[in-house]
Amino acid sequence: MSVWPDQIPLFPDRATAIAREVDAIYFFGLGIATIFSILVAVLVAYFAIRYRRRHHDEVGQREQAPAWLELVWSIIPLGILLFMFAWGADVYFKARRAPANAVEYYATGKQWMWKFQHPQGNREINDLHVPVGVPIKLIMTSEDVIHSFWVPEFRVKMDVLPGRYTNLWFEVDKVGTYRLLCNEYCGAEHSLMGGRIFAMEPADYESWLAGGQPQTALTKTGEQVFAEKTCNTCHKNEAGALGPSLDGVFGNEREFADGTTVIADENYLRESILEPRAKLVKGYQALMPTFQGQVDEEELVLLIEYIKSLGQDE
């Protein structure tokens, strides 16, 4: 049974800075639409009465609006719309571009639950504890169908897709408990797929982390998985290695045998593990076997986090 009421308030509380910006542009647009709707309705009523036909034999005369009036009613709406476009684009890019200092968490959608992994190794199901005042970046995927991660109080929403990673970010500025919902119909129990985000003071968050079972950081556990899958036998940082070096690969350009290039992000690393022959690194043969079906989503996260750590300055 859901812990939340059946209905979401028309205007949920705002718990992030971006939520206030989203609301500001929403209410501005609503206000502009209301003003022009009333203006048009009043003018239609006025002209219908003022220029109505009074006798059956009356014939209307052709009217030509002056050039200045044509310019006014074209330029003013155009200016308003361009202002709204620029404002909306600014808010959109702020909402989509996570700050460089954002702390990365992993989220996995599954019928019908949310699974989370903290960088410190802690795991949660349907609950996520985060510190206030800290940018949080969620790297998300799905184990089955399309889901959609939605927190009304944060004004953030992003589809969660099987077979690839999407991400969103937020920075909570108010301590509290906020509802987490799936905003994409995902099956019979879609309406029950929810959870809670607990925004805590940083000190309380650290206490919460320490209060659970001892955890191992994702990068450390990922190193163990990397060795267990014998990835370290080929991917060595030395001449003559069968596989390309992975030191510093994340975030940098990768060149392939067909001459194409790509920036190595989480989706590239995921594809390279599951479909290693999809993009063959220049200078290396297609020797790596696929790990499709041999690693689950949690092991993929661990491997990716370990690879991301390689060659990074401490």
C-alpha atoms as a PDB file:
ATOM      1  CA  MET A   1       0.000   0.000   0.000  1.00  0.00           C
ATOM      2  CA  SER A   2       1.300   3.432  -0.930  1.00  0.00           C
ATOM      3  CA  VAL A   3       2.374   5.738   1.904  1.00  0.00           C
ATOM      4  CA  TRP A   4       1.286   8.768  -0.078  1.00  0.00           C
ATOM      5  CA  PRO A   5      -2.191  10.241  -0.582  1.00  0.00           C
ATOM      6  CA  ASP A   6      -3.933   9.301  -3.805  1.00  0.00           C
ATOM      7  CA  GLN A   7      -3.798  12.858  -5.148  1.00  0.00           C
ATOM      8  CA  ILE A   8      -0.833  15.128  -5.789  1.00  0.00           C
ATOM      9  CA  PRO A   9      -1.400  18.785  -4.856  1.00  0.00           C
ATOM     10  CA  LEU A  10      -2.002  21.114  -7.782  1.00  0.00           C
ATOM     11  CA  PHE A  11       1.104  23.055  -6.746  1.00  0.00           C
ATOM     12  CA  PRO A  12       3.490  20.756  -4.833  1.00  0.00           C
ATOM     13  CA  ASP A  13       6.033  22.223  -2.465  1.00  0.00           C
ATOM     14  CA  ARG A  14       9.289  23.492  -4.007  1.00  0.00           C
ATOM     15  CA  ALA A  15      12.401  21.882  -2.553  1.00  0.00           C
ATOM     16  CA  THR A  16      15.071  22.848  -5.109  1.00  0.00           C
ATOM     17  CA  ALA A  17      16.254  26.061  -6.750  1.00  0.00           C
ATOM     18  CA  ILE A  18      15.382  24.715 -10.194  1.00  0.00           C
ATOM     19  CA  ALA A  19      11.828  24.018  -8.975  1.00  0.00           C
ATOM     20  CA  ARG A  20      11.375  27.713  -8.241  1.00  0.00           C
ATOM     21  CA  GLU A  21      12.735  28.648 -11.676  1.00  0.00           C
ATOM     22  CA  VAL A  22      10.438  26.145 -13.381  1.00  0.00           C
ATOM     23  CA  ASP A  23       7.447  27.534 -11.492  1.00  0.00           C
ATOM     24  CA  ALA A  24       8.421  31.120 -12.317  1.00  0.00           C
ATOM     25  CA  ILE A  25       8.495  30.499 -16.068  1.00  0.00           C
ATOM     26  CA  TYR A  26       5.309  28.410 -15.831  1.00  0.00           C
ATOM     27  CA  PHE A  27       3.355  31.152 -14.054  1.00  0.00           C
ATOM     28  CA  PHE A  28       4.779  33.804 -16.377  1.00  0.00           C
ATOM     29  CA  GLY A  29       3.585  31.827 -19.406  1.00  0.00           C
ATOM     30  CA  LEU A  30       0.234  31.199 -17.758  1.00  0.00           C
ATOM     31  CA  GLY A  31      -0.115  34.907 -17.018  1.00  0.00           C
ATOM     32  CA  ILE A  32       0.720  35.914 -20.601  1.00  0.00           C
ATOM     33  CA  ALA A  33      -1.754  33.352 -21.972  1.00  0.00           C
ATOM     34  CA  THR A  34      -4.460  34.620 -19.603  1.00  0.00           C
ATOM     35  CA  ILE A  35      -3.897  38.271 -20.519  1.00  0.00           C
ATOM     36  CA  PHE A  36      -4.040  37.631 -24.262  1.00  0.00           C
ATOM     37  CA  SER A  37      -7.012  35.263 -23.929  1.00  0.00           C
ATOM     38  CA  ILE A  38      -8.996  37.930 -22.063  1.00  0.00           C
ATOM     39  CA  LEU A  39      -7.852  40.624 -24.517  1.00  0.00           C
ATOM     40  CA  VAL A  40      -8.947  38.582 -27.543  1.00  0.00           C
ATOM     41  CA  ALA A  41     -12.276  37.630 -25.936  1.00  0.00           C
ATOM     42  CA  VAL A  42     -13.028  41.262 -25.019  1.00  0.00           C
ATOM     43  CA  LEU A  43     -12.109  42.522 -28.507  1.00  0.00           C
ATOM     44  CA  VAL A  44     -14.203  39.825 -30.192  1.00  0.00           C
ATOM     45  CA  ALA A  45     -17.208  40.780 -28.070  1.00  0.00           C
ATOM     46  CA  TYR A  46     -16.621  44.509 -28.634  1.00  0.00           C
ATOM     47  CA  PHE A  47     -16.237  44.226 -32.412  1.00  0.00           C
ATOM     48  CA  ALA A  48     -19.225  41.867 -32.668  1.00  0.00           C
ATOM     49  CA  ILE A  49     -21.404  44.506 -30.988  1.00  0.00           C
ATOM     50  CA  ARG A  50     -19.790  47.636 -32.435  1.00  0.00           C
ATOM     51  CA  TYR A  51     -19.778  46.491 -36.055  1.00  0.00           C
ATOM     52  CA  ARG A  52     -22.877  44.296 -36.101  1.00  0.00           C
ATOM     53  CA  ARG A  53     -25.240  44.549 -39.088  1.00  0.00           C
ATOM     54  CA  ARG A  54     -28.134  46.819 -38.112  1.00  0.00           C
ATOM     55  CA  HIS A  55     -30.185  46.511 -41.285  1.00  0.00           C
ATOM     56  CA  HIS A  56     -30.538  43.563 -43.643  1.00  0.00           C
ATOM     57  CA  ASP A  57     -29.419  45.654 -46.622  1.00  0.00           C
ATOM     58  CA  GLU A  58     -26.215  46.958 -44.981  1.00  0.00           C
ATOM     59  CA  VAL A  59     -22.987  46.050 -46.780  1.00  0.00           C
ATOM     60  CA  GLY A  60     -19.660  46.144 -44.956  1.00  0.00           C
ATOM     61  CA  GLN A  61     -16.801  48.320 -46.144  1.00  0.00           C
ATOM     62  CA  ARG A  62     -13.296  47.057 -46.649  1.00  0.00           C
ATOM     63  CA  GLU A  63     -10.913  48.294 -43.952  1.00  0.00           C
ATOM     64  CA  GLN A  64      -7.129  48.551 -44.230  1.00  0.00           C
ATOM     65  CA  ALA A  65      -5.148  48.537 -40.969  1.00  0.00           C
ATOM     66  CA  PRO A  66      -2.310  51.086 -40.824  1.00  0.00           C
ATOM     67  CA  ALA A  67       1.227  49.743 -41.141  1.00  0.00           C
ATOM     68  CA  TRP A  68       2.189  50.782 -37.603  1.00  0.00           C
ATOM     69  CA  LEU A  69      -0.642  48.686 -36.154  1.00  0.00           C
ATOM     70  CA  GLU A  70       0.430  45.646 -38.176  1.00  0.00           C
ATOM     71  CA  LEU A  71       3.971  46.053 -36.827  1.00  0.00           C
ATOM     72  CA  VAL A  72       2.807  46.488 -33.228  1.00  0.00           C
ATOM     73  CA  TRP A  73       0.675  43.360 -33.101  1.00  0.00           C
ATOM     74  CA  SER A  74       3.449  41.343 -34.773  1.00  0.00           C
ATOM     75  CA  ILE A  75       6.541  42.626 -32.966  1.00  0.00           C
ATOM     76  CA  ILE A  76       5.166  42.643 -29.406  1.00  0.00           C
ATOM     77  CA  PRO A  77       4.007  38.975 -29.412  1.00  0.00           C
ATOM     78  CA  LEU A  78       7.231  37.970 -31.201  1.00  0.00           C
ATOM     79  CA  GLY A  79       9.312  39.723 -28.545  1.00  0.00           C
ATOM     80  CA  ILE A  80       7.377  38.067 -25.726  1.00  0.00           C
ATOM     81  CA  LEU A  81       7.746  34.611 -27.294  1.00  0.00           C
ATOM     82  CA  LEU A  82      11.474  35.077 -27.933  1.00  0.00           C
ATOM     83  CA  PHE A  83      11.927  36.172 -24.311  1.00  0.00           C
ATOM     84  CA  MET A  84      10.051  33.077 -23.102  1.00  0.00           C
ATOM     85  CA  PHE A  85      12.110  30.868 -25.423  1.00  0.00           C
ATOM     86  CA  ALA A  86      15.413  32.261 -24.127  1.00  0.00           C
ATOM     87  CA  TRP A  87      14.255  31.969 -20.517  1.00  0.00           C
ATOM     88  CA  GLY A  88      12.988  28.420 -21.050  1.00  0.00           C
ATOM     89  CA  ALA A  89      16.215  27.370 -22.782  1.00  0.00           C
ATOM     90  CA  ASP A  90      18.266  28.768 -19.897  1.00  0.00           C
ATOM     91  CA  VAL A  91      16.200  26.834 -17.329  1.00  0.00           C
ATOM     92  CA  TYR A  92      16.322  23.692 -19.490  1.00  0.00           C
ATOM     93  CA  PHE A  93      20.115  23.699 -19.735  1.00  0.00           C
ATOM     94  CA  LYS A  94      20.442  24.356 -16.018  1.00  0.00           C
ATOM     95  CA  ALA A  95      18.168  21.384 -15.325  1.00  0.00           C
ATOM     96  CA  ARG A  96      20.008  19.064 -17.738  1.00  0.00           C
ATOM     97  CA  ARG A  97      23.656  19.924 -17.022  1.00  0.00           C
ATOM     98  CA  ALA A  98      24.827  18.552 -13.711  1.00  0.00           C
ATOM     99  CA  PRO A  99      27.505  20.601 -11.925  1.00  0.00           C
ATOM    100  CA  ALA A 100      31.048  19.255 -12.107  1.00  0.00           C
ATOM    101  CA  ASN A 101      31.025  18.594  -8.364  1.00  0.00           C
ATOM    102  CA  ALA A 102      27.816  16.545  -8.401  1.00  0.00           C
ATOM    103  CA  VAL A 103      27.970  13.277  -6.431  1.00  0.00           C
ATOM    104  CA  GLU A 104      26.976  10.315  -8.593  1.00  0.00           C
ATOM    105  CA  TYR A 105      24.418   7.744  -7.487  1.00  0.00           C
ATOM    106  CA  TYR A 106      23.007   4.883  -9.554  1.00  0.00           C
ATOM    107  CA  ALA A 107      19.300   4.137  -9.898  1.00  0.00           C
ATOM    108  CA  THR A 108      17.702   1.091 -11.502  1.00  0.00           C
ATOM    109  CA  GLY A 109      14.015   0.797 -12.313  1.00  0.00           C
ATOM    110  CA  LYS A 110      12.391  -2.624 -12.185  1.00  0.00           C
ATOM    111  CA  GLN A 111       8.765  -3.731 -12.164  1.00  0.00           C
ATOM    112  CA  TRP A 112       7.782  -2.367  -9.712  1.00  0.00           C
ATOM    113  CA  MET A 113      10.519  -0.855  -7.578  1.00  0.00           C
ATOM    114  CA  TRP A 114      13.462   1.532  -7.552  1.00  0.00           C
ATOM    115  CA  LYS A 115      16.928   0.329  -6.561  1.00  0.00           C
ATOM    116  CA  PHE A 116      19.680   2.776  -5.587  1.00  0.00           C
ATOM    117  CA  GLN A 117      23.411   2.525  -5.033  1.00  0.00           C
ATOM    118  CA  HIS A 118      25.394   5.165  -3.154  1.00  0.00           C
ATOM    119  CA  PRO A 119      29.028   5.855  -4.113  1.00  0.00           C
ATOM    120  CA  GLN A 120      29.991   4.603  -0.646  1.00  0.00           C
ATOM    121  CA  GLY A 121      28.427   1.215  -1.494  1.00  0.00           C
ATOM    122  CA  ASN A 122      25.153   1.529   0.439  1.00  0.00           C
ATOM    123  CA  ARG A 123      22.094   0.143  -1.321  1.00  0.00           C
ATOM    124  CA  GLU A 124      18.427   1.014  -0.937  1.00  0.00           C
ATOM    125  CA  ILE A 125      15.122  -0.087  -2.415  1.00  0.00           C
ATOM    126  CA  ASN A 126      12.357   2.513  -2.936  1.00  0.00           C
ATOM    127  CA  ASP A 127      14.084   4.876  -0.499  1.00  0.00           C
ATOM    128  CA  LEU A 128      16.962   7.233  -1.191  1.00  0.00           C
ATOM    129  CA  HIS A 129      18.781   9.229   1.470  1.00  0.00           C
ATOM    130  CA  VAL A 130      20.664  12.324   0.268  1.00  0.00           C
ATOM    131  CA  PRO A 131      22.287  15.333   1.964  1.00  0.00           C
ATOM    132  CA  VAL A 132      20.824  18.795   1.435  1.00  0.00           C
ATOM    133  CA  GLY A 133      22.983  21.415  -0.251  1.00  0.00           C
ATOM    134  CA  VAL A 134      24.884  18.808  -2.279  1.00  0.00           C
ATOM    135  CA  PRO A 135      24.314  18.356  -6.059  1.00  0.00           C
ATOM    136  CA  ILE A 136      23.186  14.771  -6.692  1.00  0.00           C
ATOM    137  CA  LYS A 137      23.497  13.180 -10.141  1.00  0.00           C
ATOM    138  CA  LEU A 138      21.499  10.016 -10.791  1.00  0.00           C
ATOM    139  CA  ILE A 139      22.725   7.648 -13.502  1.00  0.00           C
ATOM    140  CA  MET A 140      19.691   5.525 -14.328  1.00  0.00           C
ATOM    141  CA  THR A 141      18.719   2.430 -16.289  1.00  0.00           C
ATOM    142  CA  SER A 142      15.920  -0.129 -16.353  1.00  0.00           C
ATOM    143  CA  GLU A 143      16.016  -3.903 -16.043  1.00  0.00           C
ATOM    144  CA  ASP A 144      12.804  -4.453 -18.021  1.00  0.00           C
ATOM    145  CA  VAL A 145      10.503  -1.780 -19.516  1.00  0.00           C
ATOM    146  CA  ILE A 146      10.544   2.010 -19.779  1.00  0.00           C
ATOM    147  CA  HIS A 147      10.034   3.763 -16.458  1.00  0.00           C
ATOM    148  CA  SER A 148      10.154   7.466 -15.616  1.00  0.00           C
ATOM    149  CA  PHE A 149      11.782   8.943 -12.526  1.00  0.00           C
ATOM    150  CA  TRP A 150       9.675  11.823 -11.194  1.00  0.00           C
ATOM    151  CA  VAL A 151       9.875  13.879  -8.014  1.00  0.00           C
ATOM    152  CA  PRO A 152       7.119  16.541  -8.095  1.00  0.00           C
ATOM    153  CA  GLU A 153       8.695  18.696  -5.374  1.00  0.00           C
ATOM    154  CA  PHE A 154      11.985  18.830  -7.302  1.00  0.00           C
ATOM    155  CA  ARG A 155      10.341  19.516 -10.693  1.00  0.00           C
ATOM    156  CA  VAL A 156      12.577  16.898 -12.310  1.00  0.00           C
ATOM    157  CA  LYS A 157      11.556  13.983 -14.498  1.00  0.00           C
ATOM    158  CA  MET A 158      13.519  11.678 -16.786  1.00  0.00           C
ATOM    159  CA  ASP A 159      12.687   8.491 -18.662  1.00  0.00           C
ATOM    160  CA  VAL A 160      14.566   5.404 -17.481  1.00  0.00           C
ATOM    161  CA  LEU A 161      15.323   3.112 -20.414  1.00  0.00           C
ATOM    162  CA  PRO A 162      16.406  -0.522 -20.678  1.00  0.00           C
ATOM    163  CA  GLY A 163      19.804  -1.068 -22.256  1.00  0.00           C
ATOM    164  CA  ARG A 164      21.223   2.423 -21.758  1.00  0.00           C
ATOM    165  CA  TYR A 165      21.832   5.118 -19.162  1.00  0.00           C
ATOM    166  CA  THR A 166      20.009   8.395 -18.748  1.00  0.00           C
ATOM    167  CA  ASN A 167      20.654  10.898 -15.993  1.00  0.00           C
ATOM    168  CA  LEU A 168      19.202  13.787 -14.070  1.00  0.00           C
ATOM    169  CA  TRP A 169      20.418  15.902 -11.192  1.00  0.00           C
ATOM    170  CA  PHE A 170      18.994  17.872  -8.305  1.00  0.00           C
ATOM    171  CA  GLU A 171      20.155  19.756  -5.232  1.00  0.00           C
ATOM    172  CA  VAL A 172      17.684  19.711  -2.367  1.00  0.00           C
ATOM    173  CA  ASP A 173      17.708  22.820  -0.190  1.00  0.00           C
ATOM    174  CA  LYS A 174      15.023  21.855   2.327  1.00  0.00           C
ATOM    175  CA  VAL A 175      15.182  18.990   4.811  1.00  0.00           C
ATOM    176  CA  GLY A 176      12.185  16.717   4.362  1.00  0.00           C
ATOM    177  CA  THR A 177      10.707  13.575   2.865  1.00  0.00           C
ATOM    178  CA  TYR A 178       9.619  13.757  -0.764  1.00  0.00           C
ATOM    179  CA  ARG A 179       7.622  11.397  -2.913  1.00  0.00           C
ATOM    180  CA  LEU A 180       9.211   9.485  -5.772  1.00  0.00           C
ATOM    181  CA  LEU A 181       6.900   8.284  -8.533  1.00  0.00           C
ATOM    182  CA  CYS A 182       7.082   6.451 -11.847  1.00  0.00           C
ATOM    183  CA  ASN A 183       5.549   8.715 -14.476  1.00  0.00           C
ATOM    184  CA  GLU A 184       5.473   6.167 -17.320  1.00  0.00           C
ATOM    185  CA  TYR A 185       2.899   3.371 -17.436  1.00  0.00           C
ATOM    186  CA  CYS A 186       5.010   0.270 -16.884  1.00  0.00           C
ATOM    187  CA  GLY A 187       2.570  -2.550 -16.153  1.00  0.00           C
ATOM    188  CA  ALA A 188      -0.223  -3.738 -13.930  1.00  0.00           C
ATOM    189  CA  GLU A 189       1.198  -2.304 -10.696  1.00  0.00           C
ATOM    190  CA  HIS A 190       2.517   0.941 -12.152  1.00  0.00           C
ATOM    191  CA  SER A 191       0.492   3.019  -9.686  1.00  0.00           C
ATOM    192  CA  LEU A 192       2.280   1.336  -6.766  1.00  0.00           C
ATOM    193  CA  MET A 193       5.768   1.967  -8.099  1.00  0.00           C
ATOM    194  CA  GLY A 194       6.868   4.729  -5.782  1.00  0.00           C
ATOM    195  CA  GLY A 195       9.284   5.551  -3.046  1.00  0.00           C
ATOM    196  CA  ARG A 196      10.649   8.279  -0.833  1.00  0.00           C
ATOM    197  CA  ILE A 197      13.618  10.614  -0.947  1.00  0.00           C
ATOM    198  CA  PHE A 198      14.897  11.624   2.472  1.00  0.00           C
ATOM    199  CA  ALA A 199      16.751  14.937   2.357  1.00  0.00           C
ATOM    200  CA  MET A 200      18.952  15.237   5.444  1.00  0.00           C
ATOM    201  CA  GLU A 201      21.479  17.611   6.901  1.00  0.00           C
ATOM    202  CA  PRO A 202      24.996  16.516   5.820  1.00  0.00           C
ATOM    203  CA  ALA A 203      25.938  15.465   9.370  1.00  0.00           C
ATOM    204  CA  ASP A 204      22.743  13.414   9.711  1.00  0.00           C
ATOM    205  CA  TYR A 205      23.402  11.835   6.329  1.00  0.00           C
ATOM    206  CA  GLU A 206      26.910  10.801   7.392  1.00  0.00           C
ATOM    207  CA  SER A 207      25.436   9.315  10.569  1.00  0.00           C
ATOM    208  CA  TRP A 208      22.904   7.410   8.489  1.00  0.00           C
ATOM    209  CA  LEU A 209      25.682   6.023   6.276  1.00  0.00           C
ATOM    210  CA  ALA A 210      27.703   4.956   9.290  1.00  0.00           C
ATOM    211  CA  GLY A 211      24.679   3.428  11.007  1.00  0.00           C
ATOM    212  CA  GLY A 212      24.161   0.684   8.430  1.00  0.00           C
ATOM    213  CA  GLN A 213      26.193  -2.398   7.667  1.00  0.00           C
ATOM    214  CA  PRO A 214      29.845  -1.712   6.767  1.00  0.00           C
ATOM    215  CA  GLN A 215      30.015  -1.054   3.019  1.00  0.00           C
ATOM    216  CA  THR A 216      32.751  -1.105   0.415  1.00  0.00           C
ATOM    217  CA  ALA A 217      32.983   1.761  -2.056  1.00  0.00           C
ATOM    218  CA  LEU A 218      31.734   0.999  -5.557  1.00  0.00           C
ATOM    219  CA  THR A 219      35.183   1.476  -7.085  1.00  0.00           C
ATOM    220  CA  LYS A 220      36.775  -1.017  -4.691  1.00  0.00           C
ATOM    221  CA  THR A 221      34.096  -3.653  -5.247  1.00  0.00           C
ATOM    222  CA  GLY A 222      34.315  -2.967  -8.970  1.00  0.00           C
ATOM    223  CA  GLU A 223      38.032  -3.737  -8.885  1.00  0.00           C
ATOM    224  CA  GLN A 224      37.204  -7.148  -7.411  1.00  0.00           C
ATOM    225  CA  VAL A 225      34.619  -7.846 -10.152  1.00  0.00           C
ATOM    226  CA  PHE A 226      37.141  -6.664 -12.766  1.00  0.00           C
ATOM    227  CA  ALA A 227      39.580  -9.304 -11.509  1.00  0.00           C
ATOM    228  CA  GLU A 228      36.942 -12.026 -11.121  1.00  0.00           C
ATOM    229  CA  LYS A 229      35.882 -11.599 -14.759  1.00  0.00           C
ATOM    230  CA  THR A 230      39.613 -11.745 -15.729  1.00  0.00           C
ATOM    231  CA  CYS A 231      39.369  -8.351 -17.424  1.00  0.00           C
ATOM    232  CA  ASN A 232      42.811  -7.493 -16.015  1.00  0.00           C
ATOM    233  CA  THR A 233      44.495 -10.213 -18.092  1.00  0.00           C
ATOM    234  CA  CYS A 234      43.947  -8.257 -21.334  1.00  0.00           C
ATOM    235  CA  HIS A 235      43.401  -4.643 -20.305  1.00  0.00           C
ATOM    236  CA  LYS A 236      46.875  -3.863 -19.050  1.00  0.00           C
ATOM    237  CA  ASN A 237      48.636  -0.559 -19.100  1.00  0.00           C
ATOM    238  CA  GLU A 238      51.640  -1.962 -20.949  1.00  0.00           C
ATOM    239  CA  ALA A 239      52.891  -2.486 -24.477  1.00  0.00           C
ATOM    240  CA  GLY A 240      51.690  -5.631 -26.243  1.00  0.00           C
ATOM    241  CA  ALA A 241      48.521  -6.000 -24.152  1.00  0.00           C
ATOM    242  CA  LEU A 242      45.677  -7.788 -25.935  1.00  0.00           C
ATOM    243  CA  GLY A 243      43.192  -5.097 -24.972  1.00  0.00           C
ATOM    244  CA  PRO A 244      43.477  -1.293 -24.902  1.00  0.00           C
ATOM    245  CA  SER A 245      44.489   0.394 -21.685  1.00  0.00           C
ATOM    246  CA  LEU A 246      41.573   1.724 -19.666  1.00  0.00           C
ATOM    247  CA  ASP A 247      43.571   4.277 -17.688  1.00  0.00           C
ATOM    248  CA  GLY A 248      41.978   7.689 -18.183  1.00  0.00           C
ATOM    249  CA  VAL A 249      39.576   6.407 -20.829  1.00  0.00           C
ATOM    250  CA  PHE A 250      36.451   7.854 -19.221  1.00  0.00           C
ATOM    251  CA  GLY A 251      35.515  11.302 -20.477  1.00  0.00           C
ATOM    252  CA  ASN A 252      38.110  11.257 -23.265  1.00  0.00           C
ATOM    253  CA  GLU A 253      37.891  10.649 -26.985  1.00  0.00           C
ATOM    254  CA  ARG A 254      38.153   7.072 -28.228  1.00  0.00           C
ATOM    255  CA  GLU A 255      39.198   6.324 -31.833  1.00  0.00           C
ATOM    256  CA  PHE A 256      37.939   3.216 -33.606  1.00  0.00           C
ATOM    257  CA  ALA A 257      39.122   1.020 -36.444  1.00  0.00           C
ATOM    258  CA  ASP A 258      36.628   2.546 -38.896  1.00  0.00           C
ATOM    259  CA  GLY A 259      37.960   6.048 -38.241  1.00  0.00           C
ATOM    260  CA  THR A 260      35.053   7.220 -36.098  1.00  0.00           C
ATOM    261  CA  THR A 261      35.459   8.642 -32.611  1.00  0.00           C
ATOM    262  CA  VAL A 262      33.298   8.987 -29.519  1.00  0.00           C
ATOM    263  CA  ILE A 263      33.642  10.440 -26.044  1.00  0.00           C
ATOM    264  CA  ALA A 264      33.807   7.541 -23.589  1.00  0.00           C
ATOM    265  CA  ASP A 265      30.862   7.945 -21.205  1.00  0.00           C
ATOM    266  CA  GLU A 266      28.847   5.448 -19.160  1.00  0.00           C
ATOM    267  CA  ASN A 267      26.860   4.308 -22.187  1.00  0.00           C
ATOM    268  CA  TYR A 268      30.043   3.633 -24.165  1.00  0.00           C
ATOM    269  CA  LEU A 269      31.544   1.606 -21.303  1.00  0.00           C
ATOM    270  CA  ARG A 270      28.297  -0.336 -20.948  1.00  0.00           C
ATOM    271  CA  GLU A 271      28.228  -1.141 -24.661  1.00  0.00           C
ATOM    272  CA  SER A 272      31.902  -2.146 -24.641  1.00  0.00           C
ATOM    273  CA  ILE A 273      31.238  -4.692 -21.880  1.00  0.00           C
ATOM    274  CA  LEU A 274      28.055  -6.159 -23.335  1.00  0.00           C
ATOM    275  CA  GLU A 275      28.801  -5.762 -27.071  1.00  0.00           C
ATOM    276  CA  PRO A 276      32.590  -5.410 -27.375  1.00  0.00           C
ATOM    277  CA  ARG A 277      32.587  -5.788 -31.165  1.00  0.00           C
ATOM    278  CA  ALA A 278      30.152  -2.918 -31.738  1.00  0.00           C
ATOM    279  CA  LYS A 279      33.012  -0.397 -31.642  1.00  0.00           C
ATOM    280  CA  LEU A 280      36.502  -1.832 -32.155  1.00  0.00           C
ATOM    281  CA  VAL A 281      39.309   0.355 -30.780  1.00  0.00           C
ATOM    282  CA  LYS A 282      41.910   1.244 -33.413  1.00  0.00           C
ATOM    283  CA  GLY A 283      44.962  -1.019 -33.311  1.00  0.00           C
ATOM    284  CA  TYR A 284      43.274  -3.956 -31.533  1.00  0.00           C
ATOM    285  CA  GLN A 285      41.641  -7.164 -32.716  1.00  0.00           C
ATOM    286  CA  ALA A 286      38.115  -8.320 -31.895  1.00  0.00           C
ATOM    287  CA  LEU A 287      39.190 -10.794 -29.206  1.00  0.00           C
ATOM    288  CA  MET A 288      37.008  -9.758 -26.280  1.00  0.00           C
ATOM    289  CA  PRO A 289      33.983 -12.049 -25.670  1.00  0.00           C
ATOM    290  CA  THR A 290      30.599 -10.591 -24.871  1.00  0.00           C
ATOM    291  CA  PHE A 291      29.532 -10.401 -21.253  1.00  0.00           C
ATOM    292  CA  GLN A 292      25.857 -10.190 -22.185  1.00  0.00           C
ATOM    293  CA  GLY A 293      23.991 -12.407 -19.709  1.00  0.00           C
ATOM    294  CA  GLN A 294      27.133 -12.895 -17.586  1.00  0.00           C
ATOM    295  CA  VAL A 295      26.895  -9.656 -15.600  1.00  0.00           C
ATOM    296  CA  ASP A 296      23.790  -8.099 -14.089  1.00  0.00           C
ATOM    297  CA  GLU A 297      22.994  -4.397 -13.732  1.00  0.00           C
ATOM    298  CA  GLU A 298      24.678  -4.128 -10.334  1.00  0.00           C
ATOM    299  CA  GLU A 299      27.897  -5.704 -11.611  1.00  0.00           C
ATOM    300  CA  LEU A 300      27.815  -3.386 -14.636  1.00  0.00           C
ATOM    301  CA  VAL A 301      27.647  -0.412 -12.298  1.00  0.00           C
ATOM    302  CA  LEU A 302      30.608  -1.713 -10.318  1.00  0.00           C
ATOM    303  CA  LEU A 303      32.697  -2.323 -13.427  1.00  0.00           C
ATOM    304  CA  ILE A 304      31.875   1.087 -14.875  1.00  0.00           C
ATOM    305  CA  GLU A 305      32.674   2.891 -11.630  1.00  0.00           C
ATOM    306  CA  TYR A 306      36.014   1.098 -11.389  1.00  0.00           C
ATOM    307  CA  ILE A 307      36.932   1.910 -14.991  1.00  0.00           C
ATOM    308  CA  LYS A 308      35.955   5.547 -14.413  1.00  0.00           C
ATOM    309  CA  SER A 309      38.388   5.672 -11.485  1.00  0.00           C
ATOM    310  CA  LEU A 310      41.362   4.391 -13.490  1.00  0.00           C
ATOM    311  CA  GLY A 311      43.941   7.037 -14.269  1.00  0.00           C
ATOM    312  CA  GLN A 312      42.069   9.693 -12.291  1.00  0.00           C
ATOM    313  CA  ASP A 313      44.080  12.028 -10.096  1.00  0.00           C
ATOM    314  CA  GLU A 314      43.594  11.276  -6.445  1.00  0.00           C
END
